Amino acid sequence: MTGTLKLIFTLILLAIVAATGWASLQVPLWQTPRAVVSHPWFVATLVDTYLAFFTFWLWVAYKERSYPGRALWLVAIFALGNIAMAGYVLIQLWRLPRGAGVDDLLLRRRQ
């Protein structure tokens, strides 16, 4: 199962990086038209997105043991979004011992 998750999150990461790279080459982020940025659905989507980032970060904060690590991941997730999130899951997956299950991925283990 973890092998499948590694493949899925690698594909997610590659797709997001490709889409973001393509969009960045078309129009810089800071040149997004005012009509788009001020549109109610854009604002609602942005609020939804950042609350989802924060929700995911709550799991990261649970998994990470150090305050600096938690803070760095919060900044990375808020700055890079799903790129950081997919990266975090991939790091966690690659740290798992052979034969580990999804519960080992999701839960913090006592050391």
C-alpha atoms as a PDB file:
ATOM      1  CA  MET A   1       0.000   0.000   0.000  1.00  0.00           C
ATOM      2  CA  THR A   2       2.745   2.503   0.792  1.00  0.00           C
ATOM      3  CA  GLY A   3       4.295   1.848  -2.628  1.00  0.00           C
ATOM      4  CA  THR A   4       1.029   2.857  -4.272  1.00  0.00           C
ATOM      5  CA  LEU A   5       0.866   5.983  -2.108  1.00  0.00           C
ATOM      6  CA  LYS A   6       4.433   6.900  -3.082  1.00  0.00           C
ATOM      7  CA  LEU A   7       3.454   6.675  -6.743  1.00  0.00           C
ATOM      8  CA  ILE A   8       0.237   8.659  -6.254  1.00  0.00           C
ATOM      9  CA  PHE A   9       1.888  11.471  -4.286  1.00  0.00           C
ATOM     10  CA  THR A  10       4.817  11.616  -6.721  1.00  0.00           C
ATOM     11  CA  LEU A  11       2.359  12.046  -9.592  1.00  0.00           C
ATOM     12  CA  ILE A  12       0.442  14.684  -7.618  1.00  0.00           C
ATOM     13  CA  LEU A  13       3.663  16.583  -6.915  1.00  0.00           C
ATOM     14  CA  LEU A  14       4.774  16.425 -10.553  1.00  0.00           C
ATOM     15  CA  ALA A  15       1.354  17.539 -11.832  1.00  0.00           C
ATOM     16  CA  ILE A  16       1.219  20.507  -9.453  1.00  0.00           C
ATOM     17  CA  VAL A  17       4.779  21.589 -10.248  1.00  0.00           C
ATOM     18  CA  ALA A  18       4.069  21.283 -13.990  1.00  0.00           C
ATOM     19  CA  ALA A  19       0.804  23.253 -13.781  1.00  0.00           C
ATOM     20  CA  THR A  20       2.345  25.922 -11.554  1.00  0.00           C
ATOM     21  CA  GLY A  21       5.404  26.196 -13.781  1.00  0.00           C
ATOM     22  CA  TRP A  22       3.282  26.511 -16.910  1.00  0.00           C
ATOM     23  CA  ALA A  23       0.999  29.135 -15.323  1.00  0.00           C
ATOM     24  CA  SER A  24       4.003  31.098 -14.059  1.00  0.00           C
ATOM     25  CA  LEU A  25       5.448  31.217 -17.558  1.00  0.00           C
ATOM     26  CA  GLN A  26       2.127  32.513 -18.929  1.00  0.00           C
ATOM     27  CA  VAL A  27       1.414  35.270 -16.396  1.00  0.00           C
ATOM     28  CA  PRO A  28       3.266  36.165 -13.199  1.00  0.00           C
ATOM     29  CA  LEU A  29       1.126  35.683 -10.092  1.00  0.00           C
ATOM     30  CA  TRP A  30       1.292  39.382  -9.178  1.00  0.00           C
ATOM     31  CA  GLN A  31      -0.243  40.273 -12.562  1.00  0.00           C
ATOM     32  CA  THR A  32      -3.486  38.405 -11.879  1.00  0.00           C
ATOM     33  CA  PRO A  33      -6.264  40.691 -13.149  1.00  0.00           C
ATOM     34  CA  ARG A  34      -8.123  42.678 -10.478  1.00  0.00           C
ATOM     35  CA  ALA A  35     -11.441  41.351 -11.792  1.00  0.00           C
ATOM     36  CA  VAL A  36     -10.262  37.836 -10.931  1.00  0.00           C
ATOM     37  CA  VAL A  37      -8.740  38.631  -7.530  1.00  0.00           C
ATOM     38  CA  SER A  38     -11.810  40.554  -6.362  1.00  0.00           C
ATOM     39  CA  HIS A  39     -14.360  38.020  -7.644  1.00  0.00           C
ATOM     40  CA  PRO A  40     -16.395  36.492  -4.772  1.00  0.00           C
ATOM     41  CA  TRP A  41     -15.745  32.926  -5.925  1.00  0.00           C
ATOM     42  CA  PHE A  42     -12.001  33.579  -6.054  1.00  0.00           C
ATOM     43  CA  VAL A  43     -12.114  34.898  -2.480  1.00  0.00           C
ATOM     44  CA  ALA A  44     -14.247  31.947  -1.305  1.00  0.00           C
ATOM     45  CA  THR A  45     -11.897  29.488  -2.996  1.00  0.00           C
ATOM     46  CA  LEU A  46      -8.876  31.155  -1.421  1.00  0.00           C
ATOM     47  CA  VAL A  47     -10.429  30.984   2.065  1.00  0.00           C
ATOM     48  CA  ASP A  48     -11.366  27.336   1.494  1.00  0.00           C
ATOM     49  CA  THR A  49      -7.865  26.530   0.267  1.00  0.00           C
ATOM     50  CA  TYR A  50      -6.037  28.124   3.179  1.00  0.00           C
ATOM     51  CA  LEU A  51      -8.358  26.508   5.722  1.00  0.00           C
ATOM     52  CA  ALA A  52      -7.613  23.162   4.041  1.00  0.00           C
ATOM     53  CA  PHE A  53      -3.888  23.939   4.275  1.00  0.00           C
ATOM     54  CA  PHE A  54      -4.317  24.680   7.976  1.00  0.00           C
ATOM     55  CA  THR A  55      -6.299  21.457   8.483  1.00  0.00           C
ATOM     56  CA  PHE A  56      -3.512  19.441   6.856  1.00  0.00           C
ATOM     57  CA  TRP A  57      -0.943  21.330   8.942  1.00  0.00           C
ATOM     58  CA  LEU A  58      -2.733  20.201  12.118  1.00  0.00           C
ATOM     59  CA  TRP A  59      -1.781  16.632  11.171  1.00  0.00           C
ATOM     60  CA  VAL A  60       1.776  17.792  10.426  1.00  0.00           C
ATOM     61  CA  ALA A  61       1.928  19.502  13.830  1.00  0.00           C
ATOM     62  CA  TYR A  62       0.767  16.233  15.408  1.00  0.00           C
ATOM     63  CA  LYS A  63       3.451  14.238  13.555  1.00  0.00           C
ATOM     64  CA  GLU A  64       6.327  16.693  14.029  1.00  0.00           C
ATOM     65  CA  ARG A  65       7.900  16.720  17.472  1.00  0.00           C
ATOM     66  CA  SER A  66       9.764  20.047  17.388  1.00  0.00           C
ATOM     67  CA  TYR A  67       8.278  23.532  17.407  1.00  0.00           C
ATOM     68  CA  PRO A  68      10.731  24.792  14.760  1.00  0.00           C
ATOM     69  CA  GLY A  69       9.782  21.880  12.494  1.00  0.00           C
ATOM     70  CA  ARG A  70       6.096  22.632  12.956  1.00  0.00           C
ATOM     71  CA  ALA A  71       6.659  26.324  12.220  1.00  0.00           C
ATOM     72  CA  LEU A  72       8.746  25.650   9.111  1.00  0.00           C
ATOM     73  CA  TRP A  73       6.132  23.274   7.720  1.00  0.00           C
ATOM     74  CA  LEU A  74       3.381  25.824   8.401  1.00  0.00           C
ATOM     75  CA  VAL A  75       5.277  28.447   6.403  1.00  0.00           C
ATOM     76  CA  ALA A  76       6.073  25.951   3.622  1.00  0.00           C
ATOM     77  CA  ILE A  77       2.462  24.803   3.359  1.00  0.00           C
ATOM     78  CA  PHE A  78       1.077  28.351   3.341  1.00  0.00           C
ATOM     79  CA  ALA A  79       3.700  29.468   0.783  1.00  0.00           C
ATOM     80  CA  LEU A  80       3.787  26.426  -1.503  1.00  0.00           C
ATOM     81  CA  GLY A  81       0.417  24.810  -0.837  1.00  0.00           C
ATOM     82  CA  ASN A  82      -0.052  21.347  -2.238  1.00  0.00           C
ATOM     83  CA  ILE A  83       3.554  21.202  -3.413  1.00  0.00           C
ATOM     84  CA  ALA A  84       4.691  21.267   0.229  1.00  0.00           C
ATOM     85  CA  MET A  85       1.869  18.962   1.282  1.00  0.00           C
ATOM     86  CA  ALA A  86       2.719  16.305  -1.297  1.00  0.00           C
ATOM     87  CA  GLY A  87       6.387  16.695  -0.390  1.00  0.00           C
ATOM     88  CA  TYR A  88       5.632  16.179   3.301  1.00  0.00           C
ATOM     89  CA  VAL A  89       3.647  13.005   2.629  1.00  0.00           C
ATOM     90  CA  LEU A  90       6.425  11.673   0.381  1.00  0.00           C
ATOM     91  CA  ILE A  91       9.036  12.349   3.063  1.00  0.00           C
ATOM     92  CA  GLN A  92       6.881  10.528   5.605  1.00  0.00           C
ATOM     93  CA  LEU A  93       6.361   7.600   3.217  1.00  0.00           C
ATOM     94  CA  TRP A  94      10.073   7.222   2.465  1.00  0.00           C
ATOM     95  CA  ARG A  95      10.881   7.270   6.202  1.00  0.00           C
ATOM     96  CA  LEU A  96       8.638   4.286   6.883  1.00  0.00           C
ATOM     97  CA  PRO A  97      10.281   0.926   7.481  1.00  0.00           C
ATOM     98  CA  ARG A  98       9.685  -1.864   4.982  1.00  0.00           C
ATOM     99  CA  GLY A  99       6.310  -3.506   5.549  1.00  0.00           C
ATOM    100  CA  ALA A 100       4.808  -0.513   7.354  1.00  0.00           C
ATOM    101  CA  GLY A 101       1.117   0.176   6.952  1.00  0.00           C
ATOM    102  CA  VAL A 102      -0.943   3.287   6.446  1.00  0.00           C
ATOM    103  CA  ASP A 103      -1.447   3.543  10.216  1.00  0.00           C
ATOM    104  CA  ASP A 104       2.321   3.959  10.538  1.00  0.00           C
ATOM    105  CA  LEU A 105       2.099   6.840   8.087  1.00  0.00           C
ATOM    106  CA  LEU A 106      -0.793   8.582   9.794  1.00  0.00           C
ATOM    107  CA  LEU A 107       0.009   8.067  13.464  1.00  0.00           C
ATOM    108  CA  ARG A 108       2.851   9.448  15.531  1.00  0.00           C
ATOM    109  CA  ARG A 109       4.881   6.645  17.073  1.00  0.00           C
ATOM    110  CA  ARG A 110       6.397   6.791  20.512  1.00  0.00           C
ATOM    111  CA  GLN A 111      10.150   6.817  20.532  1.00  0.00           C
END
